[in-house]
């Protein structure tokens, strides 16, 4: 191992000897102290390795005895140094590129937030930025544990925060507190939240105003929170007894009604989509304070379809801006899908039902579904209207003024 190191430090030359009885040349060279190794036959010629410093002596011995020498390869530090001196710009640029990448990796360039629904992403990012976690901050300045505690203190709606640094990206994962809905406990009416036909009334507290089969509109009182006392019999009236006042209660009960929802859906008869082919072209530019250096160009077809994606990393230094710009071109091709009339109606119906699902509360009982085609058979777009008949509890709280 030590000999190999010193051989490469001084330089190794691989030779091929041409002539009769090449063993004679090897014996002469060994007798004069030339170190030879890795001797192999290649057809009628011998191949071997010698040190760079022994080449002049070996050439002199070969010339004296009528042998021809062919240099097959040169390896080791002296030859690499010579090549490096001729390509100082290339190796210097490569070293500079590596240094810039290392410098850029010491900073945070992306901050992601996930797990939040009520608390906005902007609020979480602002709180994190106040404690040193923002785009462009140095990773040596960031303390994830301190940032997690600070975000929890500032945003009481969060119950858990986790910050994780992965390369130049920081992931902030949060868990929000689940708060129960606040129930109104004061005197109130139970009013209709939407139009419908009353199917069932279950009175728990208050005074029922509606009956089965009655049509109600949104905002109509279903169960009143004002309970009037029963009318007294004439024989029970006393001259000195005061009249009973109505009681104010929190109306409670279940009022089910037949309601209707309408949704709209459409589907083109022919849909053109762009699909990725899997081929990606990259364009790389190196940004220096003096000029932009194109490291790699993307050979793009003028008639091709591409989805572009760019990444930019930069850092401000005293000499100026350093950075790297990587632009990717993802090749695409057109994929045209044609639907028959029946297939387009099915797709449009699914879109209409999905639109209705965003309106209907969970647990609503669907009693009937109707479909109406709005478009003509020859239209390019099939349009439909979906109507759903349901039975649901339409009661909502309205405080008494």
Protein backbone atom coordinates (compact mmCIF):
# COMPACT_ATOMS: atom_id res chain seq x y z
CA UNK A 1 0.00 0.00 0.00
CA UNK A 2 2.84 2.42 0.89
CA UNK A 3 4.73 1.58 -2.33
CA UNK A 4 1.58 2.20 -4.37
CA UNK A 5 1.11 5.59 -2.74
CA UNK A 6 4.68 6.70 -3.44
CA UNK A 7 4.52 5.31 -6.98
CA UNK A 8 1.46 7.45 -7.77
CA UNK A 9 2.98 10.42 -5.99
CA UNK A 10 6.02 10.26 -8.26
CA UNK A 11 4.10 9.10 -11.35
CA UNK A 12 3.56 5.69 -12.98
CA UNK A 13 4.19 4.93 -16.68
CA UNK A 14 2.85 1.83 -18.44
CA UNK A 15 5.13 0.65 -21.31
CA UNK A 16 4.86 -1.88 -24.10
CA UNK A 17 8.20 -3.45 -25.31
CA UNK A 18 8.46 -4.36 -29.01
CA UNK A 19 11.28 -6.59 -30.22
CA UNK A 20 12.70 -10.11 -29.94
CA UNK A 21 13.40 -11.54 -26.50
CA UNK A 22 12.00 -8.60 -24.48
CA UNK A 23 12.95 -10.55 -21.31
CA UNK A 24 16.54 -9.54 -22.02
CA UNK A 25 15.63 -5.84 -21.67
CA UNK A 26 13.88 -6.47 -18.36
CA UNK A 27 16.94 -8.30 -16.99
CA UNK A 28 19.26 -5.47 -18.08
CA UNK A 29 16.99 -2.86 -16.48
CA UNK A 30 16.74 -4.81 -13.20
CA UNK A 31 20.51 -5.18 -13.07
CA UNK A 32 20.82 -1.37 -13.25
CA UNK A 33 18.33 -0.82 -10.41
CA UNK A 34 15.17 0.02 -12.38
CA UNK A 35 12.08 -1.02 -10.41
CA UNK A 36 9.59 -2.93 -12.64
CA UNK A 37 6.21 -4.47 -11.72
CA UNK A 38 2.96 -5.73 -13.23
CA UNK A 39 4.70 -7.52 -16.12
CA UNK A 40 2.24 -9.17 -18.56
CA UNK A 41 2.36 -10.66 -22.03
CA UNK A 42 0.19 -9.04 -24.71
CA UNK A 43 0.56 -11.20 -27.74
CA UNK A 44 4.26 -11.05 -28.74
CA UNK A 45 4.93 -7.95 -26.63
CA UNK A 46 5.50 -7.40 -22.93
CA UNK A 47 3.55 -4.82 -20.93
CA UNK A 48 4.88 -3.48 -17.62
CA UNK A 49 4.88 -0.50 -15.24
CA UNK A 50 7.83 1.66 -14.17
CA UNK A 51 8.25 4.87 -12.17
CA UNK A 52 8.32 8.18 -14.00
CA UNK A 53 11.85 8.93 -12.74
CA UNK A 54 13.18 5.67 -14.29
CA UNK A 55 11.90 6.42 -17.80
CA UNK A 56 15.11 8.10 -19.19
CA UNK A 57 17.32 5.22 -17.98
CA UNK A 58 14.93 2.61 -19.37
CA UNK A 59 14.77 4.40 -22.73
CA UNK A 60 18.58 4.48 -22.90
CA UNK A 61 18.83 0.74 -22.21
CA UNK A 62 16.17 0.00 -24.86
CA UNK A 63 17.94 2.16 -27.46
CA UNK A 64 21.31 0.47 -26.79
CA UNK A 65 19.81 -3.00 -27.34
CA UNK A 66 17.52 -2.26 -30.29
CA UNK A 67 14.12 -2.40 -28.55
CA UNK A 68 11.20 -0.09 -29.32
CA UNK A 69 9.11 1.34 -26.45
CA UNK A 70 5.47 2.47 -26.58
CA UNK A 71 4.02 4.50 -23.73
CA UNK A 72 0.52 3.13 -23.05
CA UNK A 73 -0.54 5.42 -20.21
CA UNK A 74 0.70 7.93 -17.66
CA UNK A 75 -0.80 8.05 -14.17
CA UNK A 76 -0.07 9.83 -10.92
CA UNK A 77 0.25 13.29 -9.44
CA UNK A 78 2.84 14.86 -11.86
CA UNK A 79 0.63 14.15 -14.89
CA UNK A 80 -2.57 15.19 -13.12
CA UNK A 81 -0.90 18.44 -12.04
CA UNK A 82 0.10 19.15 -15.64
CA UNK A 83 -3.47 18.59 -16.85
CA UNK A 84 -4.83 20.70 -14.01
CA UNK A 85 -2.52 23.58 -14.94
CA UNK A 86 -3.78 23.45 -18.52
CA UNK A 87 -7.43 23.38 -17.30
CA UNK A 88 -7.16 25.73 -14.37
CA UNK A 89 -10.42 27.44 -15.36
CA UNK A 90 -12.41 24.20 -15.39
CA UNK A 91 -11.12 22.90 -12.06
CA UNK A 92 -11.33 26.34 -10.48
CA UNK A 93 -14.94 26.69 -11.62
CA UNK A 94 -15.80 23.22 -10.31
CA UNK A 95 -14.25 24.03 -6.93
CA UNK A 96 -16.08 27.36 -6.83
CA UNK A 97 -19.36 25.64 -7.73
CA UNK A 98 -18.93 23.15 -4.88
CA UNK A 99 -18.13 25.94 -2.44
CA UNK A 100 -21.22 27.89 -3.51
CA UNK A 101 -23.45 24.83 -3.14
CA UNK A 102 -22.03 24.24 0.32
CA UNK A 103 -22.61 27.87 1.24
CA UNK A 104 -26.20 27.75 -0.02
CA UNK A 105 -26.89 24.57 1.94
CA UNK A 106 -26.20 26.48 5.17
CA UNK A 107 -29.36 28.57 4.72
CA UNK A 108 -33.10 27.86 4.81
CA UNK A 109 -34.82 28.45 1.46
CA UNK A 110 -38.23 26.81 1.95
CA UNK A 111 -40.61 26.76 4.95
CA UNK A 112 -43.62 24.39 4.72
CA UNK A 113 -46.61 24.29 7.09
CA UNK A 114 -48.98 21.34 7.32
CA UNK A 115 -51.75 20.18 9.63
CA UNK A 116 -53.53 23.53 10.05
CA UNK A 117 -57.18 24.13 9.14
CA UNK A 118 -58.43 26.96 11.37
CA UNK A 119 -55.18 28.82 12.04
CA UNK A 120 -53.93 30.36 8.79
CA UNK A 121 -50.55 29.43 7.32
CA UNK A 122 -49.64 33.14 7.23
CA UNK A 123 -50.06 33.42 11.02
CA UNK A 124 -47.84 30.40 11.65
CA UNK A 125 -45.14 31.65 9.26
CA UNK A 126 -45.18 35.12 10.84
CA UNK A 127 -44.81 33.61 14.33
CA UNK A 128 -41.96 31.37 13.15
CA UNK A 129 -40.22 34.30 11.44
CA UNK A 130 -40.25 36.32 14.65
CA UNK A 131 -38.16 33.58 16.24
CA UNK A 132 -35.57 33.17 13.48
CA UNK A 133 -37.29 30.62 11.23
CA UNK A 134 -37.80 32.24 7.80
CA UNK A 135 -36.57 32.00 4.22
CA UNK A 136 -32.91 33.00 4.03
CA UNK A 137 -32.12 32.45 7.72
CA UNK A 138 -28.89 30.66 8.61
CA UNK A 139 -29.37 27.16 9.95
CA UNK A 140 -26.73 27.78 12.62
CA UNK A 141 -29.03 30.44 14.11
CA UNK A 142 -32.14 28.25 14.34
CA UNK A 143 -33.23 26.49 17.52
CA UNK A 144 -36.20 24.28 16.65
CA UNK A 145 -37.12 23.62 20.29
CA UNK A 146 -37.20 27.34 21.12
CA UNK A 147 -39.23 28.12 17.98
CA UNK A 148 -41.75 25.38 18.82
CA UNK A 149 -42.29 26.73 22.36
CA UNK A 150 -42.62 30.31 21.09
CA UNK A 151 -45.20 29.41 18.42
CA UNK A 152 -47.28 27.54 21.00
CA UNK A 153 -47.19 30.58 23.30
CA UNK A 154 -48.25 33.01 20.58
CA UNK A 155 -50.96 30.84 18.97
CA UNK A 156 -53.16 29.37 21.73
CA UNK A 157 -55.31 27.53 19.18
CA UNK A 158 -52.39 25.14 18.55
CA UNK A 159 -51.75 22.22 20.87
CA UNK A 160 -48.60 20.77 19.21
CA UNK A 161 -45.82 22.15 16.98
CA UNK A 162 -42.90 20.26 15.45
CA UNK A 163 -40.11 21.90 13.44
CA UNK A 164 -37.79 19.71 11.38
CA UNK A 165 -34.88 20.82 9.19
CA UNK A 166 -34.29 18.71 6.07
CA UNK A 167 -31.54 20.14 3.90
CA UNK A 168 -32.56 23.64 2.80
CA UNK A 169 -36.22 23.04 3.74
CA UNK A 170 -37.96 23.40 7.13
CA UNK A 171 -41.17 21.45 7.83
CA UNK A 172 -43.52 22.87 10.47
CA UNK A 173 -46.18 20.36 11.51
CA UNK A 174 -48.99 21.56 13.80
CA UNK A 175 -51.98 20.04 15.57
CA UNK A 176 -54.91 22.31 16.41
CA UNK A 177 -57.04 22.14 19.52
CA UNK A 178 -60.50 20.63 19.09
CA UNK A 179 -62.95 22.93 20.82
CA UNK A 180 -66.56 21.84 21.38
CA UNK A 181 -69.29 23.98 19.85
CA UNK A 182 -70.65 26.47 22.33
CA UNK A 183 -74.35 25.76 22.99
CA UNK A 184 -76.63 28.70 23.65
CA UNK A 185 -78.33 28.25 27.01
CA UNK A 186 -80.51 31.37 27.25
CA UNK A 187 -84.13 31.81 26.12
CA UNK A 188 -84.48 31.25 22.39
CA UNK A 189 -86.75 30.12 19.55
CA UNK A 190 -86.11 27.15 17.27
CA UNK A 191 -86.40 28.50 13.72
CA UNK A 192 -86.16 26.93 10.25
CA UNK A 193 -82.68 26.98 8.67
CA UNK A 194 -84.11 26.33 5.19
CA UNK A 195 -87.40 25.93 3.31
CA UNK A 196 -89.29 22.65 3.54
CA UNK A 197 -92.44 20.70 4.31
CA UNK A 198 -92.77 19.52 7.92
CA UNK A 199 -92.62 15.72 8.29
CA UNK A 200 -92.21 15.26 12.05
CA UNK A 201 -92.26 17.44 15.19
CA UNK A 202 -90.78 16.17 18.48
CA UNK A 203 -91.27 18.77 21.24
CA UNK A 204 -88.92 18.69 24.23
CA UNK A 205 -89.28 22.20 25.62
CA UNK A 206 -91.18 25.27 24.48
CA UNK A 207 -94.37 25.65 22.45
CA UNK A 208 -94.78 24.01 19.01
CA UNK A 209 -95.90 26.43 16.32
CA UNK A 210 -95.90 24.17 13.23
CA UNK A 211 -97.64 20.91 12.40
CA UNK A 212 -96.98 17.96 10.07
CA UNK A 213 -97.63 18.83 6.43
CA UNK A 214 -97.11 22.57 6.93
CA UNK A 215 -94.87 24.49 4.51
CA UNK A 216 -92.26 26.67 6.21
CA UNK A 217 -89.67 29.13 4.95
CA UNK A 218 -86.24 29.95 6.19
CA UNK A 219 -86.44 31.93 9.46
CA UNK A 220 -89.98 30.80 10.41
CA UNK A 221 -90.45 29.89 14.08
CA UNK A 222 -90.86 26.14 14.58
CA UNK A 223 -90.83 25.89 18.37
CA UNK A 224 -91.36 29.08 20.34
CA UNK A 225 -89.32 29.95 23.40
CA UNK A 226 -92.27 31.93 24.79
CA UNK A 227 -94.65 29.58 26.61
CA UNK A 228 -98.03 31.12 27.36
CA UNK A 229 -100.03 29.78 30.33
CA UNK A 230 -103.28 27.98 29.55
CA UNK A 231 -106.45 30.06 29.56
CA UNK A 232 -108.15 29.70 32.99
CA UNK A 233 -111.73 28.52 33.30
CA UNK A 234 -114.25 31.24 34.10
CA UNK A 235 -115.07 29.58 37.41
CA UNK A 236 -111.40 29.67 38.42
CA UNK A 237 -111.00 33.44 37.98
CA UNK A 238 -110.62 35.41 41.20
CA UNK A 239 -110.90 39.15 41.45
CA UNK A 240 -107.68 39.65 43.37
CA UNK A 241 -105.50 37.02 41.57
CA UNK A 242 -102.91 38.57 39.12
CA UNK A 243 -102.75 37.32 35.51
CA UNK A 244 -100.06 34.74 34.81
CA UNK A 245 -97.15 35.95 32.65
CA UNK A 246 -95.67 33.87 29.78
CA UNK A 247 -92.47 31.96 30.57
CA UNK A 248 -89.26 32.40 28.57
CA UNK A 249 -87.46 29.08 27.95
CA UNK A 250 -84.82 27.64 25.68
CA UNK A 251 -86.83 25.92 22.94
CA UNK A 252 -85.71 22.33 22.39
CA UNK A 253 -86.91 19.67 19.99
CA UNK A 254 -86.44 17.93 16.66
CA UNK A 255 -88.31 19.23 13.62
CA UNK A 256 -87.76 17.14 10.50
CA UNK A 257 -88.80 18.47 7.12
CA UNK A 258 -88.68 17.45 3.49
CA UNK A 259 -86.14 19.68 1.73
CA UNK A 260 -84.67 20.01 -1.75
CA UNK A 261 -81.16 20.62 -3.08
CA UNK A 262 -80.19 21.36 -6.66
CA UNK A 263 -76.78 20.92 -8.24
CA UNK A 264 -75.28 21.49 -11.67
CA UNK A 265 -72.79 19.38 -13.60
CA UNK A 266 -71.30 19.42 -17.08
CA UNK A 267 -68.91 17.38 -19.17
CA UNK A 268 -67.38 18.18 -22.60
CA UNK A 269 -67.82 15.49 -25.22
CA UNK A 270 -64.11 15.74 -25.99
CA UNK A 271 -61.41 16.48 -23.38
CA UNK A 272 -57.82 17.28 -24.28
CA UNK A 273 -55.25 16.72 -21.58
CA UNK A 274 -51.53 17.22 -21.47
CA UNK A 275 -49.74 14.15 -20.14
CA UNK A 276 -46.11 14.01 -19.01
CA UNK A 277 -43.95 11.78 -21.19
CA UNK A 278 -41.33 11.27 -18.47
CA UNK A 279 -38.55 13.06 -20.34
CA UNK A 280 -36.99 16.03 -18.52
CA UNK A 281 -34.52 18.62 -19.83
CA UNK A 282 -32.50 20.83 -17.50
CA UNK A 283 -30.98 24.26 -17.92
CA UNK A 284 -28.40 25.30 -15.28
CA UNK A 285 -26.99 28.78 -14.83
CA UNK A 286 -24.41 29.90 -12.31
CA UNK A 287 -24.88 33.45 -11.02
CA UNK A 288 -21.79 35.40 -9.94
CA UNK A 289 -21.34 39.09 -9.07
CA UNK A 290 -19.73 39.63 -12.46
CA UNK A 291 -21.77 37.59 -14.94
CA UNK A 292 -24.05 34.58 -15.49
CA UNK A 293 -22.34 31.36 -16.55
CA UNK A 294 -24.36 28.77 -18.50
CA UNK A 295 -23.32 25.39 -17.13
CA UNK A 296 -25.85 23.37 -19.12
CA UNK A 297 -28.32 24.22 -21.91
CA UNK A 298 -31.64 22.48 -22.56
CA UNK A 299 -32.19 21.45 -26.18
CA UNK A 300 -35.89 22.26 -26.52
CA UNK A 301 -37.97 21.53 -29.59
CA UNK A 302 -39.80 24.63 -30.87
CA UNK A 303 -42.99 22.63 -31.53
CA UNK A 304 -42.82 20.62 -28.30
CA UNK A 305 -45.01 20.99 -25.24
CA UNK A 306 -43.25 21.46 -21.91
CA UNK A 307 -44.15 22.09 -18.31
CA UNK A 308 -41.59 24.45 -16.83
CA UNK A 309 -40.31 24.39 -13.27
CA UNK A 310 -37.61 26.65 -11.90
CA UNK A 311 -35.51 26.57 -8.74
CA UNK A 312 -33.39 29.46 -7.62
CA UNK A 313 -30.84 29.50 -4.80
CA UNK A 314 -28.93 32.68 -4.05
CA UNK A 315 -27.05 34.39 -1.24
CA UNK A 316 -25.83 37.94 -0.83
CA UNK A 317 -22.14 38.32 -0.02
CA UNK A 318 -19.88 41.41 0.19
CA UNK A 319 -18.64 40.93 -3.43
CA UNK A 320 -22.23 40.57 -4.67
CA UNK A 321 -24.92 37.97 -5.40
CA UNK A 322 -23.96 34.31 -5.75
CA UNK A 323 -26.45 31.67 -6.75
CA UNK A 324 -27.55 28.89 -9.03
CA UNK A 325 -30.63 28.77 -11.25
CA UNK A 326 -31.99 25.41 -12.36
CA UNK A 327 -34.84 25.33 -14.88
CA UNK A 328 -36.51 22.03 -15.75
CA UNK A 329 -38.61 21.33 -18.86
CA UNK A 330 -40.94 18.34 -18.43
CA UNK A 331 -41.98 17.11 -21.87
CA UNK A 332 -45.73 16.65 -22.48
CA UNK A 333 -47.96 15.27 -25.19
CA UNK A 334 -51.64 15.75 -25.94
CA UNK A 335 -54.08 13.02 -24.96
CA UNK A 336 -57.62 13.45 -26.33
CA UNK A 337 -60.45 11.54 -24.67
CA UNK A 338 -63.89 11.38 -26.29
CA UNK A 339 -67.10 10.55 -24.41
CA UNK A 340 -70.33 9.17 -25.79
CA UNK A 341 -73.62 10.83 -24.80
CA UNK A 342 -74.26 8.27 -22.05
CA UNK A 343 -70.69 8.46 -20.70
CA UNK A 344 -70.79 12.27 -20.61
CA UNK A 345 -74.10 12.19 -18.68
CA UNK A 346 -72.55 9.86 -16.08
CA UNK A 347 -69.52 12.14 -15.62
CA UNK A 348 -71.71 15.27 -15.42
CA UNK A 349 -74.00 13.55 -12.91
CA UNK A 350 -71.02 12.74 -10.66
CA UNK A 351 -69.91 16.36 -10.81
CA UNK A 352 -73.40 17.53 -9.93
CA UNK A 353 -73.66 15.14 -6.97
CA UNK A 354 -70.20 16.19 -5.73
CA UNK A 355 -71.39 19.79 -5.90
CA UNK A 356 -74.43 18.87 -3.80
CA UNK A 357 -72.37 17.01 -1.22
CA UNK A 358 -70.71 20.28 -0.27
CA UNK A 359 -74.14 21.72 0.55
CA UNK A 360 -75.70 18.77 2.41
CA UNK A 361 -74.81 18.29 6.05
CA UNK A 362 -73.59 14.84 7.20
CA UNK A 363 -76.35 12.51 8.36
CA UNK A 364 -79.03 13.91 6.03
CA UNK A 365 -81.43 11.19 4.80
CA UNK A 366 -81.85 11.28 0.99
CA UNK A 367 -85.30 10.13 -0.10
CA UNK A 368 -85.27 10.80 -3.86
CA UNK A 369 -82.91 11.87 -6.68
CA UNK A 370 -83.91 13.37 -10.03
CA UNK A 371 -81.80 14.04 -13.10
CA UNK A 372 -82.62 16.53 -15.86
CA UNK A 373 -80.52 16.89 -19.03
CA UNK A 374 -80.34 20.57 -20.03
CA UNK A 375 -78.30 20.24 -23.24
CA UNK A 376 -79.32 18.99 -26.67
CA UNK A 377 -77.94 15.69 -28.09
CA UNK A 378 -75.63 17.49 -30.56
CA UNK A 379 -74.09 19.96 -28.11
CA UNK A 380 -70.34 19.88 -27.48
CA UNK A 381 -70.93 20.07 -23.71
CA UNK A 382 -73.44 17.90 -21.86
CA UNK A 383 -75.15 19.86 -19.08
CA UNK A 384 -77.39 18.36 -16.42
CA UNK A 385 -79.26 19.43 -13.29
CA UNK A 386 -79.39 17.09 -10.30
CA UNK A 387 -82.17 17.50 -7.72
CA UNK A 388 -82.10 15.68 -4.38
CA UNK A 389 -85.04 15.39 -2.00
CA UNK A 390 -84.04 14.80 1.61
CA UNK A 391 -85.48 14.63 5.11
CA UNK A 392 -83.45 16.50 7.73
CA UNK A 393 -83.66 18.39 10.99
CA UNK A 394 -84.05 22.04 10.00
CA UNK A 395 -84.14 23.54 13.50
CA UNK A 396 -81.73 26.33 14.41
CA UNK A 397 -81.32 28.52 17.48
CA UNK A 398 -82.49 32.16 17.48
CA UNK A 399 -82.02 34.03 20.79
CA UNK A 400 -84.96 36.00 22.12
CA UNK A 401 -84.55 39.79 22.10
